[in-house]
């Protein structure tokens, strides 16, 4: 999912968490924190664990303007007209509410499009049903894997040189929260807390 100004992010100065919240607020907090010669300040996407590169030059208004240009708001979109079935069109004529979905481009073979369009509700509804069914069959394993990868991405950026990093990484991908916590026991508390949050593990006790 692309970032937006309201995407949840967290900023670290070295091993210390200095801000959490929407991207625009965290960016301004980092700006206010100021430059520190011996401690790197990094901002992380709370969903992916990736570092968010920021341009902190100029005034707050200039920073926000650049952010808004780079990370435009994600707008809700209704299905394209060619995907609407007769029932869709009728419902839309009665004031059909927006679905809150995001428009993306996908590529399918003609026979696959023909099958989708012929389904009740049209192609968009059929695709949503297929995705939901796949998620249920997956048992949320894809989500768990994505969370662990996000945690690893964060730890690689800030903890790669800490003792026990390799062992903690193996515990993370094994889905072993207790061993993950043990391997990180001597690390700074903010790193441990955020790594467990990204991984979807319970907080430290």
N, C-alpha and C. Protein backbone atom coordinates (compact mmCIF):
# COMPACT_ATOMS: atom_id res chain seq x y z
N UNK A 1 0.85 -1.19 0.00
CA UNK A 1 0.00 0.00 0.00
C UNK A 1 0.88 1.24 0.00
N UNK A 2 0.69 2.17 -0.93
CA UNK A 2 1.53 3.37 -0.97
C UNK A 2 1.31 4.23 0.26
N UNK A 3 2.35 4.97 0.63
CA UNK A 3 2.26 5.86 1.79
C UNK A 3 1.37 7.06 1.49
N UNK A 4 0.81 7.61 2.55
CA UNK A 4 0.08 8.86 2.47
C UNK A 4 0.51 9.71 3.64
N UNK A 5 0.05 10.96 3.69
CA UNK A 5 0.44 11.85 4.79
C UNK A 5 -0.04 11.34 6.14
N UNK A 6 -1.09 10.52 6.14
CA UNK A 6 -1.63 10.01 7.40
C UNK A 6 -1.14 8.61 7.73
N UNK A 7 -0.25 8.05 6.92
CA UNK A 7 0.27 6.70 7.19
C UNK A 7 1.01 6.69 8.51
N UNK A 8 0.82 5.62 9.29
CA UNK A 8 1.47 5.51 10.60
C UNK A 8 2.96 5.24 10.42
N UNK A 9 3.77 6.04 11.11
CA UNK A 9 5.22 5.92 11.02
C UNK A 9 5.82 6.11 12.40
N UNK A 10 7.09 5.73 12.54
CA UNK A 10 7.82 5.88 13.80
C UNK A 10 9.24 6.35 13.49
N UNK A 11 9.71 7.32 14.27
CA UNK A 11 11.06 7.86 14.08
C UNK A 11 11.96 7.43 15.22
N UNK A 12 13.18 7.07 14.86
CA UNK A 12 14.21 6.68 15.84
C UNK A 12 15.43 7.58 15.67
N UNK A 13 15.96 8.04 16.80
CA UNK A 13 17.27 8.68 16.85
C UNK A 13 18.21 7.66 17.46
N UNK A 14 18.98 7.00 16.61
CA UNK A 14 19.75 5.88 17.09
C UNK A 14 18.81 4.78 17.53
N UNK A 15 18.93 4.36 18.81
CA UNK A 15 18.08 3.30 19.35
C UNK A 15 16.90 3.85 20.14
N UNK A 16 16.71 5.15 20.11
CA UNK A 16 15.64 5.76 20.91
C UNK A 16 14.50 6.23 20.02
N UNK A 17 13.29 5.81 20.36
CA UNK A 17 12.11 6.27 19.62
C UNK A 17 11.81 7.70 20.02
N UNK A 18 11.66 8.58 19.02
CA UNK A 18 11.41 9.99 19.31
C UNK A 18 10.04 10.46 18.86
N UNK A 19 9.36 9.71 18.02
CA UNK A 19 8.04 10.13 17.56
C UNK A 19 7.32 8.97 16.90
N UNK A 20 5.99 8.95 17.06
CA UNK A 20 5.14 7.98 16.37
C UNK A 20 3.84 8.67 16.00
N UNK A 21 3.28 8.29 14.87
CA UNK A 21 2.02 8.89 14.44
C UNK A 21 1.94 9.02 12.94
N UNK A 22 1.03 9.87 12.45
CA UNK A 22 0.93 10.09 11.00
C UNK A 22 2.24 10.61 10.43
N UNK A 23 2.51 10.25 9.19
CA UNK A 23 3.78 10.63 8.55
C UNK A 23 4.05 12.11 8.65
N UNK A 24 3.06 12.95 8.37
CA UNK A 24 3.30 14.39 8.37
C UNK A 24 3.70 14.87 9.76
N UNK A 25 3.08 14.33 10.81
CA UNK A 25 3.42 14.76 12.17
C UNK A 25 4.80 14.26 12.58
N UNK A 26 5.11 13.02 12.22
CA UNK A 26 6.42 12.47 12.55
C UNK A 26 7.53 13.24 11.83
N UNK A 27 7.27 13.61 10.58
CA UNK A 27 8.26 14.38 9.82
C UNK A 27 8.56 15.70 10.50
N UNK A 28 7.53 16.40 10.93
CA UNK A 28 7.74 17.69 11.60
C UNK A 28 8.42 17.49 12.96
N UNK A 29 8.13 16.39 13.63
CA UNK A 29 8.79 16.10 14.90
C UNK A 29 10.28 15.86 14.69
N UNK A 30 10.62 15.16 13.60
CA UNK A 30 12.03 14.93 13.28
C UNK A 30 12.71 16.26 12.95
N UNK A 31 12.02 17.12 12.22
CA UNK A 31 12.56 18.44 11.91
C UNK A 31 12.83 19.22 13.20
N UNK A 32 11.87 19.19 14.12
CA UNK A 32 12.02 19.91 15.38
C UNK A 32 13.13 19.31 16.25
N UNK A 33 13.33 18.00 16.10
CA UNK A 33 14.38 17.33 16.87
C UNK A 33 15.75 17.87 16.53
N UNK A 34 15.90 18.27 15.27
CA UNK A 34 17.15 18.86 14.83
C UNK A 34 18.18 17.82 14.43
N UNK A 35 19.23 18.30 13.82
CA UNK A 35 20.30 17.41 13.37
C UNK A 35 21.21 17.05 14.54
N UNK A 36 21.57 15.78 14.62
CA UNK A 36 22.51 15.31 15.64
C UNK A 36 23.67 14.67 14.92
N UNK A 37 24.85 15.19 15.16
CA UNK A 37 26.01 14.79 14.37
C UNK A 37 26.33 13.30 14.51
N UNK A 38 26.16 12.74 15.73
CA UNK A 38 26.63 11.37 15.96
C UNK A 38 25.50 10.35 16.06
N UNK A 39 24.26 10.74 15.83
CA UNK A 39 23.14 9.81 15.93
C UNK A 39 22.26 9.96 14.69
N UNK A 40 22.10 8.89 13.95
CA UNK A 40 21.26 8.93 12.76
C UNK A 40 19.79 8.91 13.17
N UNK A 41 18.99 9.73 12.49
CA UNK A 41 17.54 9.74 12.71
C UNK A 41 16.88 9.09 11.50
N UNK A 42 16.12 8.03 11.76
CA UNK A 42 15.46 7.30 10.70
C UNK A 42 13.96 7.23 10.98
N UNK A 43 13.17 7.32 9.91
CA UNK A 43 11.71 7.19 10.01
C UNK A 43 11.31 5.89 9.32
N UNK A 44 10.45 5.11 10.01
CA UNK A 44 10.04 3.80 9.50
C UNK A 44 8.53 3.76 9.26
N UNK A 45 8.16 3.11 8.18
CA UNK A 45 6.76 2.85 7.88
C UNK A 45 6.28 1.74 8.81
N UNK A 46 5.23 2.01 9.60
CA UNK A 46 4.75 1.03 10.58
C UNK A 46 4.14 -0.20 9.92
N UNK A 47 3.84 -0.15 8.65
CA UNK A 47 3.26 -1.30 7.96
C UNK A 47 4.33 -2.20 7.36
N UNK A 48 5.34 -1.61 6.73
CA UNK A 48 6.34 -2.40 6.00
C UNK A 48 7.69 -2.48 6.70
N UNK A 49 7.95 -1.60 7.68
CA UNK A 49 9.25 -1.56 8.32
C UNK A 49 10.31 -0.87 7.48
N UNK A 50 9.94 -0.34 6.33
CA UNK A 50 10.90 0.31 5.44
C UNK A 50 11.23 1.72 5.92
N UNK A 51 12.45 2.14 5.63
CA UNK A 51 12.86 3.51 5.94
C UNK A 51 12.19 4.47 4.96
N UNK A 52 11.65 5.57 5.48
CA UNK A 52 11.03 6.60 4.66
C UNK A 52 12.03 7.74 4.50
N UNK A 53 12.48 7.98 3.28
CA UNK A 53 13.41 9.07 3.03
C UNK A 53 12.66 10.40 3.06
N UNK A 54 13.22 11.37 3.78
CA UNK A 54 12.55 12.66 3.94
C UNK A 54 13.47 13.80 3.53
N UNK A 55 12.85 14.83 3.00
CA UNK A 55 13.56 16.07 2.67
C UNK A 55 13.13 17.12 3.69
N UNK A 56 14.03 17.46 4.61
CA UNK A 56 13.68 18.35 5.72
C UNK A 56 14.17 19.78 5.50
N UNK A 57 14.46 20.14 4.28
CA UNK A 57 14.91 21.50 4.00
C UNK A 57 13.73 22.48 4.06
N UNK A 58 14.04 23.70 4.47
CA UNK A 58 13.05 24.77 4.43
C UNK A 58 12.13 24.81 5.64
N UNK A 59 11.06 25.58 5.49
CA UNK A 59 10.10 25.77 6.57
C UNK A 59 9.17 24.57 6.70
N UNK A 60 8.39 24.56 7.78
CA UNK A 60 7.41 23.47 7.96
C UNK A 60 6.44 23.43 6.78
N UNK A 61 6.00 24.61 6.34
CA UNK A 61 5.05 24.66 5.22
C UNK A 61 5.66 24.08 3.95
N UNK A 62 6.93 24.36 3.70
CA UNK A 62 7.60 23.83 2.51
C UNK A 62 7.77 22.32 2.61
N UNK A 63 8.08 21.84 3.80
CA UNK A 63 8.23 20.40 4.01
C UNK A 63 6.90 19.69 3.76
N UNK A 64 5.82 20.25 4.32
CA UNK A 64 4.50 19.64 4.15
C UNK A 64 4.09 19.65 2.68
N UNK A 65 4.39 20.74 1.98
CA UNK A 65 4.04 20.81 0.57
C UNK A 65 4.76 19.73 -0.24
N UNK A 66 6.04 19.50 0.06
CA UNK A 66 6.77 18.45 -0.65
C UNK A 66 6.21 17.08 -0.31
N UNK A 67 5.86 16.87 0.96
CA UNK A 67 5.28 15.60 1.35
C UNK A 67 3.96 15.34 0.62
N UNK A 68 3.13 16.38 0.55
CA UNK A 68 1.83 16.24 -0.11
C UNK A 68 1.98 15.91 -1.58
N UNK A 69 3.02 16.46 -2.20
CA UNK A 69 3.26 16.18 -3.62
C UNK A 69 3.78 14.75 -3.81
N UNK A 70 4.63 14.33 -2.89
CA UNK A 70 5.24 13.00 -3.02
C UNK A 70 4.30 11.89 -2.56
N UNK A 71 3.50 12.17 -1.54
CA UNK A 71 2.59 11.17 -0.99
C UNK A 71 1.16 11.69 -1.05
N UNK A 72 0.55 11.73 -2.23
CA UNK A 72 -0.81 12.25 -2.36
C UNK A 72 -1.80 11.38 -1.60
N UNK A 73 -2.93 11.97 -1.20
CA UNK A 73 -3.93 11.17 -0.48
C UNK A 73 -4.46 10.04 -1.33
N UNK A 74 -4.75 8.92 -0.68
CA UNK A 74 -5.32 7.76 -1.37
C UNK A 74 -6.82 7.96 -1.43
N UNK A 75 -7.34 8.09 -2.62
CA UNK A 75 -8.76 8.39 -2.79
C UNK A 75 -9.56 7.11 -3.00
N UNK A 76 -10.75 7.11 -2.44
CA UNK A 76 -11.67 5.99 -2.68
C UNK A 76 -12.11 6.03 -4.13
N UNK A 77 -12.33 4.87 -4.70
CA UNK A 77 -12.73 4.81 -6.10
C UNK A 77 -13.84 3.78 -6.28
N UNK A 78 -14.77 4.09 -7.17
CA UNK A 78 -15.79 3.13 -7.54
C UNK A 78 -15.32 2.33 -8.74
N UNK A 79 -15.92 1.17 -9.01
CA UNK A 79 -15.49 0.38 -10.16
C UNK A 79 -15.62 1.16 -11.46
N UNK A 80 -14.73 0.85 -12.39
CA UNK A 80 -14.78 1.50 -13.69
C UNK A 80 -16.10 1.15 -14.38
N UNK A 81 -16.58 2.05 -15.26
CA UNK A 81 -17.89 1.88 -15.88
C UNK A 81 -17.99 0.57 -16.64
N UNK A 82 -16.88 0.15 -17.31
CA UNK A 82 -16.96 -1.06 -18.11
C UNK A 82 -17.05 -2.31 -17.25
N UNK A 83 -16.78 -2.20 -15.94
CA UNK A 83 -16.86 -3.35 -15.07
C UNK A 83 -18.23 -3.49 -14.41
N UNK A 84 -19.09 -2.49 -14.53
CA UNK A 84 -20.38 -2.51 -13.85
C UNK A 84 -21.37 -3.40 -14.56
N UNK A 85 -22.05 -4.23 -13.77
CA UNK A 85 -23.11 -5.04 -14.33
C UNK A 85 -24.41 -4.26 -14.30
N UNK A 86 -25.48 -4.85 -14.83
CA UNK A 86 -26.78 -4.18 -14.82
C UNK A 86 -27.23 -3.88 -13.40
N UNK A 87 -27.00 -4.81 -12.48
CA UNK A 87 -27.40 -4.58 -11.09
C UNK A 87 -26.59 -3.45 -10.48
N UNK A 88 -25.28 -3.35 -10.85
CA UNK A 88 -24.46 -2.23 -10.37
C UNK A 88 -25.04 -0.91 -10.83
N UNK A 89 -25.39 -0.83 -12.10
CA UNK A 89 -25.88 0.42 -12.67
C UNK A 89 -27.17 0.83 -11.99
N UNK A 90 -28.06 -0.14 -11.78
CA UNK A 90 -29.32 0.18 -11.12
C UNK A 90 -29.10 0.68 -9.71
N UNK A 91 -28.20 0.03 -8.98
CA UNK A 91 -27.94 0.47 -7.61
C UNK A 91 -27.30 1.84 -7.60
N UNK A 92 -26.42 2.08 -8.57
CA UNK A 92 -25.75 3.37 -8.61
C UNK A 92 -26.75 4.49 -8.88
N UNK A 93 -27.74 4.19 -9.70
CA UNK A 93 -28.75 5.20 -9.98
C UNK A 93 -29.55 5.58 -8.77
N UNK A 94 -29.61 4.70 -7.77
CA UNK A 94 -30.34 5.00 -6.55
C UNK A 94 -29.43 5.65 -5.51
N UNK A 95 -28.26 6.08 -5.92
CA UNK A 95 -27.38 6.75 -4.96
C UNK A 95 -26.45 5.78 -4.26
N UNK A 96 -25.89 4.86 -5.02
CA UNK A 96 -24.99 3.86 -4.47
C UNK A 96 -23.80 4.51 -3.77
N UNK A 97 -23.52 4.18 -2.51
CA UNK A 97 -22.42 4.83 -1.79
C UNK A 97 -21.07 4.38 -2.33
N UNK A 98 -20.06 5.19 -2.07
CA UNK A 98 -18.71 4.82 -2.46
C UNK A 98 -18.28 3.59 -1.68
N UNK A 99 -17.46 2.76 -2.31
CA UNK A 99 -17.08 1.49 -1.71
C UNK A 99 -15.84 1.60 -0.84
N UNK A 100 -15.08 2.70 -0.95
CA UNK A 100 -13.87 2.81 -0.17
C UNK A 100 -12.76 1.92 -0.67
N UNK A 101 -12.78 1.57 -1.95
CA UNK A 101 -11.72 0.74 -2.52
C UNK A 101 -10.76 1.62 -3.31
N UNK A 102 -9.56 1.08 -3.55
CA UNK A 102 -8.53 1.80 -4.29
C UNK A 102 -8.40 1.22 -5.68
N UNK A 103 -8.45 2.07 -6.70
CA UNK A 103 -8.35 1.61 -8.08
C UNK A 103 -6.91 1.24 -8.41
N UNK A 104 -6.69 0.06 -8.97
CA UNK A 104 -5.38 -0.39 -9.42
C UNK A 104 -5.53 -1.06 -10.78
N UNK A 105 -4.45 -1.15 -11.51
CA UNK A 105 -4.48 -1.82 -12.81
C UNK A 105 -4.07 -3.27 -12.65
N UNK A 106 -4.83 -4.19 -13.24
CA UNK A 106 -4.45 -5.60 -13.27
C UNK A 106 -4.51 -6.08 -14.71
N UNK A 107 -3.77 -7.14 -15.00
CA UNK A 107 -3.72 -7.70 -16.36
C UNK A 107 -4.19 -9.15 -16.31
N UNK A 108 -5.22 -9.45 -17.12
CA UNK A 108 -5.76 -10.80 -17.20
C UNK A 108 -5.92 -11.20 -18.66
N UNK A 109 -6.02 -12.49 -18.89
CA UNK A 109 -6.31 -12.98 -20.23
C UNK A 109 -7.78 -12.70 -20.58
N UNK A 110 -8.10 -12.59 -21.89
CA UNK A 110 -9.49 -12.30 -22.28
C UNK A 110 -10.51 -13.26 -21.67
N UNK A 111 -10.20 -14.56 -21.66
CA UNK A 111 -11.16 -15.52 -21.11
C UNK A 111 -11.38 -15.28 -19.61
N UNK A 112 -10.35 -14.78 -18.92
CA UNK A 112 -10.49 -14.50 -17.49
C UNK A 112 -11.37 -13.28 -17.26
N UNK A 113 -11.20 -12.25 -18.11
CA UNK A 113 -12.07 -11.08 -18.03
C UNK A 113 -13.52 -11.48 -18.32
N UNK A 114 -13.71 -12.32 -19.33
CA UNK A 114 -15.07 -12.75 -19.68
C UNK A 114 -15.74 -13.45 -18.50
N UNK A 115 -14.97 -14.29 -17.82
CA UNK A 115 -15.54 -15.00 -16.66
C UNK A 115 -15.86 -14.03 -15.54
N UNK A 116 -14.95 -13.09 -15.26
CA UNK A 116 -15.17 -12.14 -14.18
C UNK A 116 -16.40 -11.28 -14.43
N UNK A 117 -16.50 -10.72 -15.63
CA UNK A 117 -17.62 -9.82 -15.94
C UNK A 117 -18.95 -10.55 -15.85
N UNK A 118 -18.95 -11.86 -16.12
CA UNK A 118 -20.20 -12.63 -16.09
C UNK A 118 -20.64 -12.99 -14.67
N UNK A 119 -19.79 -12.73 -13.67
CA UNK A 119 -20.14 -13.10 -12.30
C UNK A 119 -21.14 -12.11 -11.70
N UNK A 120 -21.95 -12.57 -10.75
CA UNK A 120 -22.90 -11.66 -10.08
C UNK A 120 -22.18 -10.46 -9.48
N UNK A 121 -22.66 -9.27 -9.80
CA UNK A 121 -22.04 -8.05 -9.28
C UNK A 121 -20.93 -7.50 -10.14
N UNK A 122 -20.52 -8.22 -11.20
CA UNK A 122 -19.49 -7.71 -12.08
C UNK A 122 -18.09 -8.09 -11.62
N UNK A 123 -17.09 -7.61 -12.38
CA UNK A 123 -15.70 -8.01 -12.18
C UNK A 123 -15.15 -7.58 -10.83
N UNK A 124 -15.44 -6.35 -10.43
CA UNK A 124 -14.86 -5.85 -9.19
C UNK A 124 -15.32 -6.64 -7.98
N UNK A 125 -16.63 -6.89 -7.90
CA UNK A 125 -17.15 -7.65 -6.77
C UNK A 125 -16.62 -9.08 -6.80
N UNK A 126 -16.52 -9.67 -7.98
CA UNK A 126 -16.01 -11.04 -8.08
C UNK A 126 -14.56 -11.12 -7.60
N UNK A 127 -13.75 -10.13 -8.00
CA UNK A 127 -12.36 -10.12 -7.55
C UNK A 127 -12.25 -9.97 -6.05
N UNK A 128 -13.10 -9.09 -5.46
CA UNK A 128 -13.06 -8.91 -4.01
C UNK A 128 -13.44 -10.22 -3.30
N UNK A 129 -14.45 -10.92 -3.84
CA UNK A 129 -14.83 -12.20 -3.22
C UNK A 129 -13.70 -13.22 -3.33
N UNK A 130 -13.02 -13.26 -4.48
CA UNK A 130 -11.92 -14.21 -4.66
C UNK A 130 -10.78 -13.91 -3.70
N UNK A 131 -10.46 -12.62 -3.55
CA UNK A 131 -9.37 -12.24 -2.65
C UNK A 131 -9.72 -12.60 -1.20
N UNK A 132 -10.96 -12.31 -0.79
CA UNK A 132 -11.37 -12.63 0.57
C UNK A 132 -11.34 -14.14 0.82
N UNK A 133 -11.77 -14.91 -0.18
CA UNK A 133 -11.74 -16.37 -0.03
C UNK A 133 -10.31 -16.88 0.07
N UNK A 134 -9.41 -16.30 -0.72
CA UNK A 134 -8.00 -16.71 -0.67
C UNK A 134 -7.38 -16.37 0.68
N UNK A 135 -7.75 -15.20 1.22
CA UNK A 135 -7.23 -14.81 2.54
C UNK A 135 -7.71 -15.78 3.62
N UNK A 136 -8.99 -16.18 3.54
CA UNK A 136 -9.49 -17.13 4.54
C UNK A 136 -8.78 -18.48 4.41
N UNK A 137 -8.59 -18.94 3.17
CA UNK A 137 -7.91 -20.22 2.96
C UNK A 137 -6.46 -20.17 3.40
N UNK A 138 -5.86 -19.00 3.27
CA UNK A 138 -4.46 -18.79 3.65
C UNK A 138 -4.29 -18.83 5.16
N UNK A 139 -5.39 -18.63 5.90
CA UNK A 139 -5.30 -18.61 7.35
C UNK A 139 -4.47 -17.47 7.89
N UNK A 140 -4.42 -16.36 7.16
CA UNK A 140 -3.65 -15.16 7.56
C UNK A 140 -2.14 -15.38 7.57
N UNK A 141 -1.68 -16.49 6.97
CA UNK A 141 -0.24 -16.74 6.94
C UNK A 141 0.50 -15.67 6.17
N UNK A 142 -0.09 -15.17 5.08
CA UNK A 142 0.58 -14.11 4.31
C UNK A 142 0.74 -12.86 5.14
N UNK A 143 -0.28 -12.53 5.95
CA UNK A 143 -0.17 -11.35 6.82
C UNK A 143 0.91 -11.55 7.86
N UNK A 144 0.97 -12.75 8.45
CA UNK A 144 2.01 -13.01 9.45
C UNK A 144 3.39 -12.92 8.84
N UNK A 145 3.55 -13.45 7.63
CA UNK A 145 4.84 -13.40 6.96
C UNK A 145 5.23 -11.95 6.65
N UNK A 146 4.27 -11.15 6.22
CA UNK A 146 4.55 -9.74 5.91
C UNK A 146 4.97 -8.99 7.17
N UNK A 147 4.33 -9.30 8.31
CA UNK A 147 4.70 -8.61 9.55
C UNK A 147 6.11 -8.99 9.98
N UNK A 148 6.45 -10.26 9.85
CA UNK A 148 7.81 -10.69 10.22
C UNK A 148 8.85 -10.05 9.31
N UNK A 149 8.54 -9.95 8.03
CA UNK A 149 9.48 -9.31 7.10
C UNK A 149 9.64 -7.83 7.42
N UNK A 150 8.55 -7.18 7.85
CA UNK A 150 8.63 -5.77 8.24
C UNK A 150 9.54 -5.61 9.45
N UNK A 151 9.39 -6.49 10.44
CA UNK A 151 10.23 -6.43 11.63
C UNK A 151 11.70 -6.66 11.27
N UNK A 152 11.94 -7.62 10.39
CA UNK A 152 13.32 -7.89 9.98
C UNK A 152 13.93 -6.71 9.24
N UNK A 153 13.14 -6.07 8.40
CA UNK A 153 13.64 -4.91 7.66
C UNK A 153 14.06 -3.80 8.62
N UNK A 154 13.22 -3.57 9.63
CA UNK A 154 13.55 -2.56 10.65
C UNK A 154 14.83 -2.95 11.40
N UNK A 155 14.89 -4.20 11.87
CA UNK A 155 16.05 -4.62 12.65
C UNK A 155 17.32 -4.59 11.82
N UNK A 156 17.23 -4.91 10.54
CA UNK A 156 18.42 -4.85 9.68
C UNK A 156 18.98 -3.44 9.60
N UNK A 157 18.08 -2.45 9.68
CA UNK A 157 18.52 -1.05 9.58
C UNK A 157 19.14 -0.53 10.87
N UNK A 158 18.67 -1.05 12.02
CA UNK A 158 19.10 -0.45 13.28
C UNK A 158 19.85 -1.40 14.21
N UNK A 159 19.73 -2.70 13.99
CA UNK A 159 20.28 -3.65 14.97
C UNK A 159 21.18 -4.70 14.34
N UNK A 160 21.58 -4.50 13.10
CA UNK A 160 22.39 -5.51 12.42
C UNK A 160 23.70 -5.82 13.11
N UNK A 161 24.23 -4.86 13.87
CA UNK A 161 25.51 -5.06 14.55
C UNK A 161 25.36 -5.44 16.01
N UNK A 162 24.14 -5.57 16.49
CA UNK A 162 23.94 -5.92 17.90
C UNK A 162 24.15 -7.42 18.12
N UNK A 163 24.64 -7.79 19.31
CA UNK A 163 24.84 -9.21 19.59
C UNK A 163 23.50 -9.95 19.59
N UNK A 164 23.49 -11.11 18.95
CA UNK A 164 22.27 -11.91 18.91
C UNK A 164 21.36 -11.59 17.75
N UNK A 165 21.80 -10.73 16.83
CA UNK A 165 20.92 -10.34 15.71
C UNK A 165 20.54 -11.55 14.87
N UNK A 166 21.50 -12.38 14.52
CA UNK A 166 21.20 -13.54 13.67
C UNK A 166 20.25 -14.50 14.38
N UNK A 167 20.50 -14.74 15.66
CA UNK A 167 19.64 -15.65 16.42
C UNK A 167 18.23 -15.07 16.55
N UNK A 168 18.13 -13.76 16.78
CA UNK A 168 16.82 -13.12 16.88
C UNK A 168 16.08 -13.21 15.56
N UNK A 169 16.81 -13.05 14.46
CA UNK A 169 16.18 -13.13 13.14
C UNK A 169 15.62 -14.53 12.89
N UNK A 170 16.37 -15.55 13.28
CA UNK A 170 15.88 -16.92 13.09
C UNK A 170 14.63 -17.16 13.94
N UNK A 171 14.63 -16.65 15.16
CA UNK A 171 13.45 -16.80 16.01
C UNK A 171 12.25 -16.06 15.43
N UNK A 172 12.51 -14.90 14.87
CA UNK A 172 11.44 -14.10 14.26
C UNK A 172 10.76 -14.88 13.15
N UNK A 173 11.55 -15.41 12.22
CA UNK A 173 10.96 -16.10 11.07
C UNK A 173 10.42 -17.48 11.43
N UNK A 174 10.86 -18.00 12.58
CA UNK A 174 10.30 -19.26 13.06
C UNK A 174 8.97 -19.03 13.76
N UNK A 175 8.61 -17.77 13.98
CA UNK A 175 7.37 -17.46 14.66
C UNK A 175 7.42 -17.82 16.14
N UNK A 176 8.59 -17.61 16.75
CA UNK A 176 8.79 -17.96 18.16
C UNK A 176 8.97 -16.68 18.97
N UNK A 177 7.89 -16.07 19.46
CA UNK A 177 8.01 -14.79 20.16
C UNK A 177 8.81 -14.86 21.44
N UNK A 178 8.76 -15.99 22.15
CA UNK A 178 9.51 -16.09 23.40
C UNK A 178 11.02 -16.09 23.13
N UNK A 179 11.44 -16.89 22.16
CA UNK A 179 12.88 -16.91 21.84
C UNK A 179 13.31 -15.58 21.23
N UNK A 180 12.44 -14.98 20.43
CA UNK A 180 12.73 -13.66 19.86
C UNK A 180 13.01 -12.66 20.99
N UNK A 181 12.17 -12.68 22.03
CA UNK A 181 12.36 -11.77 23.16
C UNK A 181 13.65 -12.07 23.91
N UNK A 182 13.96 -13.35 24.09
CA UNK A 182 15.19 -13.71 24.81
C UNK A 182 16.43 -13.22 24.08
N UNK A 183 16.44 -13.39 22.76
CA UNK A 183 17.63 -13.00 22.00
C UNK A 183 17.81 -11.49 21.99
N UNK A 184 16.75 -10.74 22.20
CA UNK A 184 16.83 -9.27 22.21
C UNK A 184 16.88 -8.69 23.61
N UNK A 185 16.97 -9.54 24.63
CA UNK A 185 16.80 -9.10 26.01
C UNK A 185 17.73 -7.96 26.41
N UNK A 186 18.93 -7.95 25.87
CA UNK A 186 19.90 -6.92 26.26
C UNK A 186 19.93 -5.73 25.30
N UNK A 187 19.01 -5.68 24.36
CA UNK A 187 18.95 -4.56 23.43
C UNK A 187 18.18 -3.40 24.04
N UNK A 188 18.33 -2.20 23.50
CA UNK A 188 17.55 -1.04 23.98
C UNK A 188 16.06 -1.33 23.92
N UNK A 189 15.33 -0.90 24.93
CA UNK A 189 13.92 -1.26 25.06
C UNK A 189 13.09 -0.75 23.89
N UNK A 190 13.37 0.44 23.36
CA UNK A 190 12.57 0.97 22.25
C UNK A 190 12.71 0.10 21.00
N UNK A 191 13.90 -0.43 20.76
CA UNK A 191 14.10 -1.31 19.61
C UNK A 191 13.29 -2.60 19.79
N UNK A 192 13.38 -3.18 20.98
CA UNK A 192 12.65 -4.43 21.25
C UNK A 192 11.15 -4.23 21.09
N UNK A 193 10.66 -3.14 21.66
CA UNK A 193 9.22 -2.89 21.64
C UNK A 193 8.70 -2.72 20.22
N UNK A 194 9.41 -1.93 19.42
CA UNK A 194 8.95 -1.67 18.06
C UNK A 194 9.09 -2.91 17.18
N UNK A 195 10.17 -3.66 17.36
CA UNK A 195 10.37 -4.88 16.58
C UNK A 195 9.24 -5.87 16.84
N UNK A 196 8.83 -6.01 18.09
CA UNK A 196 7.75 -6.93 18.43
C UNK A 196 6.42 -6.40 17.88
N UNK A 197 6.22 -5.11 17.92
CA UNK A 197 5.00 -4.53 17.37
C UNK A 197 4.88 -4.81 15.87
N UNK A 198 5.97 -4.57 15.14
CA UNK A 198 5.95 -4.83 13.70
C UNK A 198 5.69 -6.30 13.41
N UNK A 199 6.27 -7.18 14.23
CA UNK A 199 6.13 -8.61 14.01
C UNK A 199 4.75 -9.14 14.36
N UNK A 200 3.96 -8.32 15.08
CA UNK A 200 2.65 -8.78 15.50
C UNK A 200 2.71 -9.63 16.76
N UNK A 201 3.84 -9.57 17.49
CA UNK A 201 3.97 -10.30 18.75
C UNK A 201 3.46 -9.44 19.90
N UNK A 202 3.12 -10.08 20.99
CA UNK A 202 2.66 -9.34 22.16
C UNK A 202 3.80 -8.50 22.71
N UNK A 203 3.49 -7.36 23.35
CA UNK A 203 4.54 -6.50 23.91
C UNK A 203 5.34 -7.24 24.98
N UNK A 204 6.54 -6.72 25.25
CA UNK A 204 7.35 -7.27 26.35
C UNK A 204 6.58 -7.16 27.65
N UNK A 205 6.71 -8.19 28.46
CA UNK A 205 6.06 -8.18 29.76
C UNK A 205 6.97 -7.51 30.78
